[in-house]
Amino acid sequence: MDNFLHKGKDKKPKQNIYKLICSAQNYDWGQPANCSLVSTVLRKNSRPVDESKAYAEYWMGTHPNGPSKILKDGKEVLLSEEINGQLSYLFKVISIKNPLSI
């Protein structure tokens, strides 16, 4: 994660803050787009929502099936490229219509 920390003149790390662009996962057990928390989050972030799909999960991380991006200098850049690697976790917001079997 060296790209996020830059040493200034005072030798203290300086952090950059970027807008995080996350992905949604559409599964049958998710809520319909018109009442899903996931689709609401997408809309609030000016992301497209397909009203015919169920929205189940909102992923924040570097998973290859739904990698997050950052907005850097007006361009979308993969988070994994910016941090030079993968995160060891995947943060999710879920919106469930039907119970899930474990």
PDB file of N, CA and C in Angstrom:
ATOM      1  N   MET A   1       0.804  -1.188   0.000  1.00  0.00           N
ATOM      2  CA  MET A   1       0.000   0.000   0.000  1.00  0.00           C
ATOM      3  C   MET A   1       0.850   1.257   0.000  1.00  0.00           C
ATOM      4  N   ASP A   2       2.034   1.149  -0.471  1.00  0.00           N
ATOM      5  CA  ASP A   2       2.951   2.281  -0.473  1.00  0.00           C
ATOM      6  C   ASP A   2       2.426   3.468  -1.270  1.00  0.00           C
ATOM      7  N   ASN A   3       1.596   3.204  -2.298  1.00  0.00           N
ATOM      8  CA  ASN A   3       1.098   4.306  -3.119  1.00  0.00           C
ATOM      9  C   ASN A   3       0.194   5.255  -2.345  1.00  0.00           C
ATOM     10  N   PHE A   4      -0.445   4.779  -1.271  1.00  0.00           N
ATOM     11  CA  PHE A   4      -1.338   5.628  -0.506  1.00  0.00           C
ATOM     12  C   PHE A   4      -0.592   6.524   0.468  1.00  0.00           C
ATOM     13  N   LEU A   5       0.622   6.174   0.819  1.00  0.00           N
ATOM     14  CA  LEU A   5       1.363   6.941   1.814  1.00  0.00           C
ATOM     15  C   LEU A   5       2.555   7.620   1.159  1.00  0.00           C
ATOM     16  N   HIS A   6       2.608   8.909   1.295  1.00  0.00           N
ATOM     17  CA  HIS A   6       3.707   9.682   0.727  1.00  0.00           C
ATOM     18  C   HIS A   6       4.317  10.513   1.847  1.00  0.00           C
ATOM     19  N   LYS A   7       5.600  10.504   1.947  1.00  0.00           N
ATOM     20  CA  LYS A   7       6.255  11.287   2.993  1.00  0.00           C
ATOM     21  C   LYS A   7       6.451  12.716   2.510  1.00  0.00           C
ATOM     22  N   GLY A   8       5.969  13.637   3.316  1.00  0.00           N
ATOM     23  CA  GLY A   8       6.143  15.050   3.009  1.00  0.00           C
ATOM     24  C   GLY A   8       7.446  15.549   3.606  1.00  0.00           C
ATOM     25  N   LYS A   9       7.633  16.862   3.599  1.00  0.00           N
ATOM     26  CA  LYS A   9       8.848  17.455   4.141  1.00  0.00           C
ATOM     27  C   LYS A   9       9.032  17.140   5.614  1.00  0.00           C
ATOM     28  N   ASP A  10       7.923  17.015   6.339  1.00  0.00           N
ATOM     29  CA  ASP A  10       8.030  16.740   7.772  1.00  0.00           C
ATOM     30  C   ASP A  10       8.171  15.242   8.059  1.00  0.00           C
ATOM     31  N   LYS A  11       8.308  14.410   7.023  1.00  0.00           N
ATOM     32  CA  LYS A  11       8.515  12.966   7.111  1.00  0.00           C
ATOM     33  C   LYS A  11       7.320  12.198   7.673  1.00  0.00           C
ATOM     34  N   LYS A  12       6.188  12.849   7.814  1.00  0.00           N
ATOM     35  CA  LYS A  12       4.980  12.154   8.250  1.00  0.00           C
ATOM     36  C   LYS A  12       4.248  11.653   7.015  1.00  0.00           C
ATOM     37  N   PRO A  13       3.642  10.454   7.093  1.00  0.00           N
ATOM     38  CA  PRO A  13       2.894   9.958   5.929  1.00  0.00           C
ATOM     39  C   PRO A  13       1.720  10.869   5.599  1.00  0.00           C
ATOM     40  N   LYS A  14       1.533  11.130   4.320  1.00  0.00           N
ATOM     41  CA  LYS A  14       0.412  11.920   3.837  1.00  0.00           C
ATOM     42  C   LYS A  14      -0.506  10.974   3.072  1.00  0.00           C
ATOM     43  N   GLN A  15      -1.774  10.939   3.414  1.00  0.00           N
ATOM     44  CA  GLN A  15      -2.699  10.025   2.769  1.00  0.00           C
ATOM     45  C   GLN A  15      -3.540  10.742   1.723  1.00  0.00           C
ATOM     46  N   ASN A  16      -3.754  10.049   0.614  1.00  0.00           N
ATOM     47  CA  ASN A  16      -4.654  10.542  -0.419  1.00  0.00           C
ATOM     48  C   ASN A  16      -6.014   9.898  -0.208  1.00  0.00           C
ATOM     49  N   ILE A  17      -7.071  10.622  -0.472  1.00  0.00           N
ATOM     50  CA  ILE A  17      -8.417  10.090  -0.357  1.00  0.00           C
ATOM     51  C   ILE A  17      -9.031  10.071  -1.749  1.00  0.00           C
ATOM     52  N   TYR A  18      -9.568   8.916  -2.139  1.00  0.00           N
ATOM     53  CA  TYR A  18     -10.163   8.748  -3.454  1.00  0.00           C
ATOM     54  C   TYR A  18     -11.597   8.261  -3.305  1.00  0.00           C
ATOM     55  N   LYS A  19     -12.435   8.582  -4.275  1.00  0.00           N
ATOM     56  CA  LYS A  19     -13.786   8.044  -4.315  1.00  0.00           C
ATOM     57  C   LYS A  19     -13.688   6.567  -4.677  1.00  0.00           C
ATOM     58  N   LEU A  20     -14.368   5.716  -3.905  1.00  0.00           N
ATOM     59  CA  LEU A  20     -14.367   4.276  -4.131  1.00  0.00           C
ATOM     60  C   LEU A  20     -15.583   3.905  -4.971  1.00  0.00           C
ATOM     61  N   ILE A  21     -15.356   3.192  -6.050  1.00  0.00           N
ATOM     62  CA  ILE A  21     -16.420   2.741  -6.941  1.00  0.00           C
ATOM     63  C   ILE A  21     -16.527   1.235  -6.780  1.00  0.00           C
ATOM     64  N   CYS A  22     -17.646   0.786  -6.238  1.00  0.00           N
ATOM     65  CA  CYS A  22     -17.814  -0.628  -5.897  1.00  0.00           C
ATOM     66  C   CYS A  22     -18.742  -1.324  -6.880  1.00  0.00           C
ATOM     67  N   SER A  23     -18.816  -2.653  -6.763  1.00  0.00           N
ATOM     68  CA  SER A  23     -19.647  -3.425  -7.682  1.00  0.00           C
ATOM     69  C   SER A  23     -20.799  -4.092  -6.944  1.00  0.00           C
ATOM     70  N   ALA A  24     -21.829  -4.410  -7.691  1.00  0.00           N
ATOM     71  CA  ALA A  24     -22.994  -5.104  -7.141  1.00  0.00           C
ATOM     72  C   ALA A  24     -23.061  -6.509  -7.719  1.00  0.00           C
ATOM     73  N   GLN A  25     -23.616  -7.401  -6.920  1.00  0.00           N
ATOM     74  CA  GLN A  25     -23.839  -8.774  -7.367  1.00  0.00           C
ATOM     75  C   GLN A  25     -25.335  -9.025  -7.411  1.00  0.00           C
ATOM     76  N   ASN A  26     -25.773  -9.628  -8.494  1.00  0.00           N
ATOM     77  CA  ASN A  26     -27.187  -9.896  -8.709  1.00  0.00           C
ATOM     78  C   ASN A  26     -27.441 -11.391  -8.537  1.00  0.00           C
ATOM     79  N   TYR A  27     -28.144 -11.748  -7.479  1.00  0.00           N
ATOM     80  CA  TYR A  27     -28.509 -13.137  -7.207  1.00  0.00           C
ATOM     81  C   TYR A  27     -30.013 -13.197  -7.001  1.00  0.00           C
ATOM     82  N   ASP A  28     -30.620 -14.355  -7.298  1.00  0.00           N
ATOM     83  CA  ASP A  28     -32.073 -14.515  -7.171  1.00  0.00           C
ATOM     84  C   ASP A  28     -32.574 -14.224  -5.764  1.00  0.00           C
ATOM     85  N   TRP A  29     -31.772 -14.484  -4.752  1.00  0.00           N
ATOM     86  CA  TRP A  29     -32.200 -14.280  -3.367  1.00  0.00           C
ATOM     87  C   TRP A  29     -32.137 -12.817  -2.932  1.00  0.00           C
ATOM     88  N   GLY A  30     -31.668 -11.954  -3.784  1.00  0.00           N
ATOM     89  CA  GLY A  30     -31.583 -10.527  -3.461  1.00  0.00           C
ATOM     90  C   GLY A  30     -32.916  -9.820  -3.608  1.00  0.00           C
ATOM     91  N   GLN A  31     -32.969  -8.610  -3.110  1.00  0.00           N
ATOM     92  CA  GLN A  31     -34.180  -7.787  -3.193  1.00  0.00           C
ATOM     93  C   GLN A  31     -34.345  -7.233  -4.614  1.00  0.00           C
ATOM     94  N   PRO A  32     -35.591  -7.051  -5.050  1.00  0.00           N
ATOM     95  CA  PRO A  32     -35.807  -6.395  -6.346  1.00  0.00           C
ATOM     96  C   PRO A  32     -35.208  -4.981  -6.340  1.00  0.00           C
ATOM     97  N   ALA A  33     -34.836  -4.506  -7.496  1.00  0.00           N
ATOM     98  CA  ALA A  33     -34.156  -3.211  -7.607  1.00  0.00           C
ATOM     99  C   ALA A  33     -34.936  -2.073  -6.967  1.00  0.00           C
ATOM    100  N   ASN A  34     -36.259  -2.130  -7.005  1.00  0.00           N
ATOM    101  CA  ASN A  34     -37.052  -1.009  -6.492  1.00  0.00           C
ATOM    102  C   ASN A  34     -37.065  -0.918  -4.961  1.00  0.00           C
ATOM    103  N   CYS A  35     -36.585  -1.960  -4.253  1.00  0.00           N
ATOM    104  CA  CYS A  35     -36.582  -1.889  -2.783  1.00  0.00           C
ATOM    105  C   CYS A  35     -35.283  -2.415  -2.164  1.00  0.00           C
ATOM    106  N   SER A  36     -34.261  -2.613  -2.950  1.00  0.00           N
ATOM    107  CA  SER A  36     -32.989  -3.146  -2.458  1.00  0.00           C
ATOM    108  C   SER A  36     -32.088  -2.047  -1.910  1.00  0.00           C
ATOM    109  N   LEU A  37     -31.493  -2.296  -0.757  1.00  0.00           N
ATOM    110  CA  LEU A  37     -30.501  -1.370  -0.202  1.00  0.00           C
ATOM    111  C   LEU A  37     -29.316  -1.239  -1.153  1.00  0.00           C
ATOM    112  N   VAL A  38     -28.929  -2.337  -1.784  1.00  0.00           N
ATOM    113  CA  VAL A  38     -27.790  -2.322  -2.712  1.00  0.00           C
ATOM    114  C   VAL A  38     -28.071  -1.402  -3.898  1.00  0.00           C
ATOM    115  N   SER A  39     -29.254  -1.521  -4.496  1.00  0.00           N
ATOM    116  CA  SER A  39     -29.566  -0.645  -5.637  1.00  0.00           C
ATOM    117  C   SER A  39     -29.690   0.814  -5.196  1.00  0.00           C
ATOM    118  N   THR A  40     -30.148   1.040  -3.966  1.00  0.00           N
ATOM    119  CA  THR A  40     -30.223   2.403  -3.436  1.00  0.00           C
ATOM    120  C   THR A  40     -28.828   3.012  -3.324  1.00  0.00           C
ATOM    121  N   VAL A  41     -27.870   2.242  -2.828  1.00  0.00           N
ATOM    122  CA  VAL A  41     -26.490   2.723  -2.716  1.00  0.00           C
ATOM    123  C   VAL A  41     -25.927   3.013  -4.105  1.00  0.00           C
ATOM    124  N   LEU A  42     -26.210   2.144  -5.069  1.00  0.00           N
ATOM    125  CA  LEU A  42     -25.742   2.383  -6.442  1.00  0.00           C
ATOM    126  C   LEU A  42     -26.305   3.689  -6.990  1.00  0.00           C
ATOM    127  N   ARG A  43     -27.594   3.895  -6.819  1.00  0.00           N
ATOM    128  CA  ARG A  43     -28.219   5.130  -7.320  1.00  0.00           C
ATOM    129  C   ARG A  43     -27.621   6.372  -6.660  1.00  0.00           C
ATOM    130  N   LYS A  44     -27.411   6.307  -5.358  1.00  0.00           N
ATOM    131  CA  LYS A  44     -26.839   7.456  -4.632  1.00  0.00           C
ATOM    132  C   LYS A  44     -25.440   7.800  -5.135  1.00  0.00           C
ATOM    133  N   ASN A  45     -24.772   6.811  -5.733  1.00  0.00           N
ATOM    134  CA  ASN A  45     -23.432   7.022  -6.274  1.00  0.00           C
ATOM    135  C   ASN A  45     -23.440   7.140  -7.789  1.00  0.00           C
ATOM    136  N   SER A  46     -24.605   7.452  -8.350  1.00  0.00           N
ATOM    137  CA  SER A  46     -24.776   7.679  -9.799  1.00  0.00           C
ATOM    138  C   SER A  46     -24.324   6.491 -10.637  1.00  0.00           C
ATOM    139  N   ARG A  47     -24.594   5.285 -10.145  1.00  0.00           N
ATOM    140  CA  ARG A  47     -24.253   4.071 -10.888  1.00  0.00           C
ATOM    141  C   ARG A  47     -25.532   3.513 -11.515  1.00  0.00           C
ATOM    142  N   PRO A  48     -25.422   2.840 -12.659  1.00  0.00           N
ATOM    143  CA  PRO A  48     -26.619   2.316 -13.326  1.00  0.00           C
ATOM    144  C   PRO A  48     -27.276   1.182 -12.531  1.00  0.00           C
ATOM    145  N   VAL A  49     -28.605   1.128 -12.585  1.00  0.00           N
ATOM    146  CA  VAL A  49     -29.379   0.076 -11.942  1.00  0.00           C
ATOM    147  C   VAL A  49     -30.340  -0.492 -12.977  1.00  0.00           C
ATOM    148  N   ASP A  50     -30.310  -1.815 -13.148  1.00  0.00           N
ATOM    149  CA  ASP A  50     -31.234  -2.498 -14.051  1.00  0.00           C
ATOM    150  C   ASP A  50     -32.458  -2.902 -13.225  1.00  0.00           C
ATOM    151  N   GLU A  51     -33.584  -2.284 -13.478  1.00  0.00           N
ATOM    152  CA  GLU A  51     -34.806  -2.508 -12.699  1.00  0.00           C
ATOM    153  C   GLU A  51     -35.326  -3.939 -12.800  1.00  0.00           C
ATOM    154  N   SER A  52     -34.876  -4.701 -13.793  1.00  0.00           N
ATOM    155  CA  SER A  52     -35.359  -6.075 -13.971  1.00  0.00           C
ATOM    156  C   SER A  52     -34.570  -7.095 -13.140  1.00  0.00           C
ATOM    157  N   LYS A  53     -33.526  -6.647 -12.460  1.00  0.00           N
ATOM    158  CA  LYS A  53     -32.665  -7.567 -11.702  1.00  0.00           C
ATOM    159  C   LYS A  53     -32.864  -7.439 -10.196  1.00  0.00           C
ATOM    160  N   ALA A  54     -32.501  -8.518  -9.507  1.00  0.00           N
ATOM    161  CA  ALA A  54     -32.455  -8.507  -8.046  1.00  0.00           C
ATOM    162  C   ALA A  54     -31.044  -8.103  -7.629  1.00  0.00           C
ATOM    163  N   TYR A  55     -30.932  -7.261  -6.610  1.00  0.00           N
ATOM    164  CA  TYR A  55     -29.632  -6.787  -6.122  1.00  0.00           C
ATOM    165  C   TYR A  55     -29.394  -7.373  -4.738  1.00  0.00           C
ATOM    166  N   ALA A  56     -28.364  -8.209  -4.630  1.00  0.00           N
ATOM    167  CA  ALA A  56     -28.125  -8.969  -3.414  1.00  0.00           C
ATOM    168  C   ALA A  56     -26.938  -8.464  -2.602  1.00  0.00           C
ATOM    169  N   GLU A  57     -25.831  -8.135  -3.262  1.00  0.00           N
ATOM    170  CA  GLU A  57     -24.615  -7.772  -2.538  1.00  0.00           C
ATOM    171  C   GLU A  57     -23.910  -6.584  -3.188  1.00  0.00           C
ATOM    172  N   TYR A  58     -23.337  -5.748  -2.351  1.00  0.00           N
ATOM    173  CA  TYR A  58     -22.521  -4.603  -2.777  1.00  0.00           C
ATOM    174  C   TYR A  58     -21.124  -4.882  -2.236  1.00  0.00           C
ATOM    175  N   TRP A  59     -20.168  -5.075  -3.129  1.00  0.00           N
ATOM    176  CA  TRP A  59     -18.824  -5.514  -2.744  1.00  0.00           C
ATOM    177  C   TRP A  59     -17.848  -4.349  -2.722  1.00  0.00           C
ATOM    178  N   MET A  60     -17.048  -4.297  -1.663  1.00  0.00           N
ATOM    179  CA  MET A  60     -15.951  -3.337  -1.539  1.00  0.00           C
ATOM    180  C   MET A  60     -14.681  -4.126  -1.290  1.00  0.00           C
ATOM    181  N   GLY A  61     -13.816  -4.203  -2.289  1.00  0.00           N
ATOM    182  CA  GLY A  61     -12.578  -4.970  -2.148  1.00  0.00           C
ATOM    183  C   GLY A  61     -11.919  -5.219  -3.488  1.00  0.00           C
ATOM    184  N   THR A  62     -11.088  -6.239  -3.530  1.00  0.00           N
ATOM    185  CA  THR A  62     -10.306  -6.529  -4.729  1.00  0.00           C
ATOM    186  C   THR A  62     -10.641  -7.890  -5.341  1.00  0.00           C
ATOM    187  N   HIS A  63     -11.781  -8.465  -4.974  1.00  0.00           N
ATOM    188  CA  HIS A  63     -12.176  -9.772  -5.515  1.00  0.00           C
ATOM    189  C   HIS A  63     -12.278  -9.687  -7.033  1.00  0.00           C
ATOM    190  N   PRO A  64     -11.724 -10.676  -7.762  1.00  0.00           N
ATOM    191  CA  PRO A  64     -11.719 -10.598  -9.228  1.00  0.00           C
ATOM    192  C   PRO A  64     -13.113 -10.612  -9.869  1.00  0.00           C
ATOM    193  N   ASN A  65     -14.134 -11.132  -9.182  1.00  0.00           N
ATOM    194  CA  ASN A  65     -15.490 -11.158  -9.741  1.00  0.00           C
ATOM    195  C   ASN A  65     -16.237  -9.845  -9.565  1.00  0.00           C
ATOM    196  N   GLY A  66     -15.657  -8.914  -8.819  1.00  0.00           N
ATOM    197  CA  GLY A  66     -16.292  -7.620  -8.621  1.00  0.00           C
ATOM    198  C   GLY A  66     -15.328  -6.649  -7.984  1.00  0.00           C
ATOM    199  N   PRO A  67     -14.226  -6.370  -8.672  1.00  0.00           N
ATOM    200  CA  PRO A  67     -13.201  -5.508  -8.063  1.00  0.00           C
ATOM    201  C   PRO A  67     -13.641  -4.049  -7.935  1.00  0.00           C
ATOM    202  N   SER A  68     -13.296  -3.458  -6.810  1.00  0.00           N
ATOM    203  CA  SER A  68     -13.558  -2.030  -6.622  1.00  0.00           C
ATOM    204  C   SER A  68     -12.539  -1.218  -7.410  1.00  0.00           C
ATOM    205  N   LYS A  69     -12.957  -0.021  -7.754  1.00  0.00           N
ATOM    206  CA  LYS A  69     -12.089   0.920  -8.456  1.00  0.00           C
ATOM    207  C   LYS A  69     -12.058   2.206  -7.656  1.00  0.00           C
ATOM    208  N   ILE A  70     -11.087   3.027  -7.951  1.00  0.00           N
ATOM    209  CA  ILE A  70     -11.042   4.364  -7.365  1.00  0.00           C
ATOM    210  C   ILE A  70     -11.079   5.374  -8.504  1.00  0.00           C
ATOM    211  N   LEU A  71     -11.553   6.554  -8.194  1.00  0.00           N
ATOM    212  CA  LEU A  71     -11.543   7.641  -9.161  1.00  0.00           C
ATOM    213  C   LEU A  71     -10.304   8.481  -8.893  1.00  0.00           C
ATOM    214  N   LYS A  72      -9.347   8.402  -9.809  1.00  0.00           N
ATOM    215  CA  LYS A  72      -8.068   9.084  -9.648  1.00  0.00           C
ATOM    216  C   LYS A  72      -7.796   9.919 -10.892  1.00  0.00           C
ATOM    217  N   ASP A  73      -7.635  11.202 -10.692  1.00  0.00           N
ATOM    218  CA  ASP A  73      -7.378  12.123 -11.800  1.00  0.00           C
ATOM    219  C   ASP A  73      -8.427  11.996 -12.899  1.00  0.00           C
ATOM    220  N   GLY A  74      -9.698  11.791 -12.485  1.00  0.00           N
ATOM    221  CA  GLY A  74     -10.801  11.709 -13.429  1.00  0.00           C
ATOM    222  C   GLY A  74     -10.943  10.372 -14.135  1.00  0.00           C
ATOM    223  N   LYS A  75     -10.123   9.381 -13.784  1.00  0.00           N
ATOM    224  CA  LYS A  75     -10.180   8.061 -14.423  1.00  0.00           C
ATOM    225  C   LYS A  75     -10.428   6.984 -13.377  1.00  0.00           C
ATOM    226  N   GLU A  76     -11.140   5.922 -13.796  1.00  0.00           N
ATOM    227  CA  GLU A  76     -11.356   4.782 -12.916  1.00  0.00           C
ATOM    228  C   GLU A  76     -10.137   3.861 -12.978  1.00  0.00           C
ATOM    229  N   VAL A  77      -9.570   3.571 -11.808  1.00  0.00           N
ATOM    230  CA  VAL A  77      -8.381   2.731 -11.687  1.00  0.00           C
ATOM    231  C   VAL A  77      -8.707   1.597 -10.715  1.00  0.00           C
ATOM    232  N   LEU A  78      -8.319   0.372 -11.043  1.00  0.00           N
ATOM    233  CA  LEU A  78      -8.551  -0.745 -10.131  1.00  0.00           C
ATOM    234  C   LEU A  78      -7.873  -0.484  -8.790  1.00  0.00           C
ATOM    235  N   LEU A  79      -8.599  -0.736  -7.711  1.00  0.00           N
ATOM    236  CA  LEU A  79      -8.039  -0.573  -6.380  1.00  0.00           C
ATOM    237  C   LEU A  79      -6.810  -1.455  -6.200  1.00  0.00           C
ATOM    238  N   SER A  80      -6.858  -2.680  -6.717  1.00  0.00           N
ATOM    239  CA  SER A  80      -5.721  -3.606  -6.585  1.00  0.00           C
ATOM    240  C   SER A  80      -4.458  -3.064  -7.242  1.00  0.00           C
ATOM    241  N   GLU A  81      -4.608  -2.292  -8.318  1.00  0.00           N
ATOM    242  CA  GLU A  81      -3.439  -1.690  -8.964  1.00  0.00           C
ATOM    243  C   GLU A  81      -2.882  -0.552  -8.116  1.00  0.00           C
ATOM    244  N   GLU A  82      -3.770   0.210  -7.501  1.00  0.00           N
ATOM    245  CA  GLU A  82      -3.330   1.347  -6.691  1.00  0.00           C
ATOM    246  C   GLU A  82      -2.595   0.895  -5.429  1.00  0.00           C
ATOM    247  N   ILE A  83      -3.045  -0.213  -4.839  1.00  0.00           N
ATOM    248  CA  ILE A  83      -2.406  -0.689  -3.602  1.00  0.00           C
ATOM    249  C   ILE A  83      -1.356  -1.764  -3.879  1.00  0.00           C
ATOM    250  N   ASN A  84      -1.135  -2.068  -5.152  1.00  0.00           N
ATOM    251  CA  ASN A  84      -0.146  -3.081  -5.550  1.00  0.00           C
ATOM    252  C   ASN A  84      -0.403  -4.433  -4.910  1.00  0.00           C
ATOM    253  N   GLY A  85      -1.642  -4.907  -4.980  1.00  0.00           N
ATOM    254  CA  GLY A  85      -1.948  -6.226  -4.428  1.00  0.00           C
ATOM    255  C   GLY A  85      -3.424  -6.402  -4.136  1.00  0.00           C
ATOM    256  N   GLN A  86      -3.696  -7.397  -3.321  1.00  0.00           N
ATOM    257  CA  GLN A  86      -5.064  -7.762  -2.968  1.00  0.00           C
ATOM    258  C   GLN A  86      -5.327  -7.473  -1.492  1.00  0.00           C
ATOM    259  N   LEU A  87      -6.588  -7.213  -1.167  1.00  0.00           N
ATOM    260  CA  LEU A  87      -6.987  -7.111   0.224  1.00  0.00           C
ATOM    261  C   LEU A  87      -7.305  -8.516   0.735  1.00  0.00           C
ATOM    262  N   SER A  88      -7.108  -8.764   2.003  1.00  0.00           N
ATOM    263  CA  SER A  88      -7.348 -10.093   2.564  1.00  0.00           C
ATOM    264  C   SER A  88      -8.790 -10.267   3.032  1.00  0.00           C
ATOM    265  N   TYR A  89      -9.655  -9.338   2.680  1.00  0.00           N
ATOM    266  CA  TYR A  89     -11.059  -9.412   3.073  1.00  0.00           C
ATOM    267  C   TYR A  89     -11.921  -8.832   1.959  1.00  0.00           C
ATOM    268  N   LEU A  90     -13.223  -9.134   2.028  1.00  0.00           N
ATOM    269  CA  LEU A  90     -14.190  -8.573   1.098  1.00  0.00           C
ATOM    270  C   LEU A  90     -15.344  -8.047   1.935  1.00  0.00           C
ATOM    271  N   PHE A  91     -15.499  -6.726   1.980  1.00  0.00           N
ATOM    272  CA  PHE A  91     -16.572  -6.094   2.737  1.00  0.00           C
ATOM    273  C   PHE A  91     -17.824  -6.091   1.876  1.00  0.00           C
ATOM    274  N   LYS A  92     -18.953  -6.520   2.459  1.00  0.00           N
ATOM    275  CA  LYS A  92     -20.201  -6.608   1.702  1.00  0.00           C
ATOM    276  C   LYS A  92     -21.346  -5.921   2.437  1.00  0.00           C
ATOM    277  N   VAL A  93     -22.207  -5.295   1.654  1.00  0.00           N
ATOM    278  CA  VAL A  93     -23.528  -4.872   2.126  1.00  0.00           C
ATOM    279  C   VAL A  93     -24.485  -5.827   1.447  1.00  0.00           C
ATOM    280  N   ILE A  94     -25.371  -6.486   2.214  1.00  0.00           N
ATOM    281  CA  ILE A  94     -26.277  -7.442   1.590  1.00  0.00           C
ATOM    282  C   ILE A  94     -27.722  -6.996   1.755  1.00  0.00           C
ATOM    283  N   SER A  95     -28.536  -7.398   0.784  1.00  0.00           N
ATOM    284  CA  SER A  95     -29.956  -7.057   0.771  1.00  0.00           C
ATOM    285  C   SER A  95     -30.704  -8.349   0.393  1.00  0.00           C
ATOM    286  N   ILE A  96     -31.262  -9.012   1.406  1.00  0.00           N
ATOM    287  CA  ILE A  96     -31.797 -10.362   1.257  1.00  0.00           C
ATOM    288  C   ILE A  96     -33.329 -10.368   1.158  1.00  0.00           C
ATOM    289  N   LYS A  97     -33.824 -11.063   0.156  1.00  0.00           N
ATOM    290  CA  LYS A  97     -35.271 -11.256   0.002  1.00  0.00           C
ATOM    291  C   LYS A  97     -35.683 -12.590   0.605  1.00  0.00           C
ATOM    292  N   ASN A  98     -34.889 -13.630   0.373  1.00  0.00           N
ATOM    293  CA  ASN A  98     -35.186 -14.972   0.854  1.00  0.00           C
ATOM    294  C   ASN A  98     -34.085 -15.464   1.775  1.00  0.00           C
ATOM    295  N   PRO A  99     -34.420 -16.298   2.764  1.00  0.00           N
ATOM    296  CA  PRO A  99     -33.391 -16.851   3.647  1.00  0.00           C
ATOM    297  C   PRO A  99     -32.341 -17.635   2.859  1.00  0.00           C
ATOM    298  N   LEU A 100     -31.123 -17.567   3.335  1.00  0.00           N
ATOM    299  CA  LEU A 100     -30.006 -18.272   2.693  1.00  0.00           C
ATOM    300  C   LEU A 100     -29.672 -19.531   3.471  1.00  0.00           C
ATOM    301  N   SER A 101     -29.399 -20.609   2.768  1.00  0.00           N
ATOM    302  CA  SER A 101     -28.931 -21.818   3.462  1.00  0.00           C
ATOM    303  C   SER A 101     -27.412 -21.739   3.570  1.00  0.00           C
ATOM    304  N   ILE A 102     -26.918 -22.179   4.681  1.00  0.00           N
ATOM    305  CA  ILE A 102     -25.464 -22.101   4.903  1.00  0.00           C
ATOM    306  C   ILE A 102     -24.851 -23.480   4.803  1.00  0.00           C
TER     307      ILE A 102
END
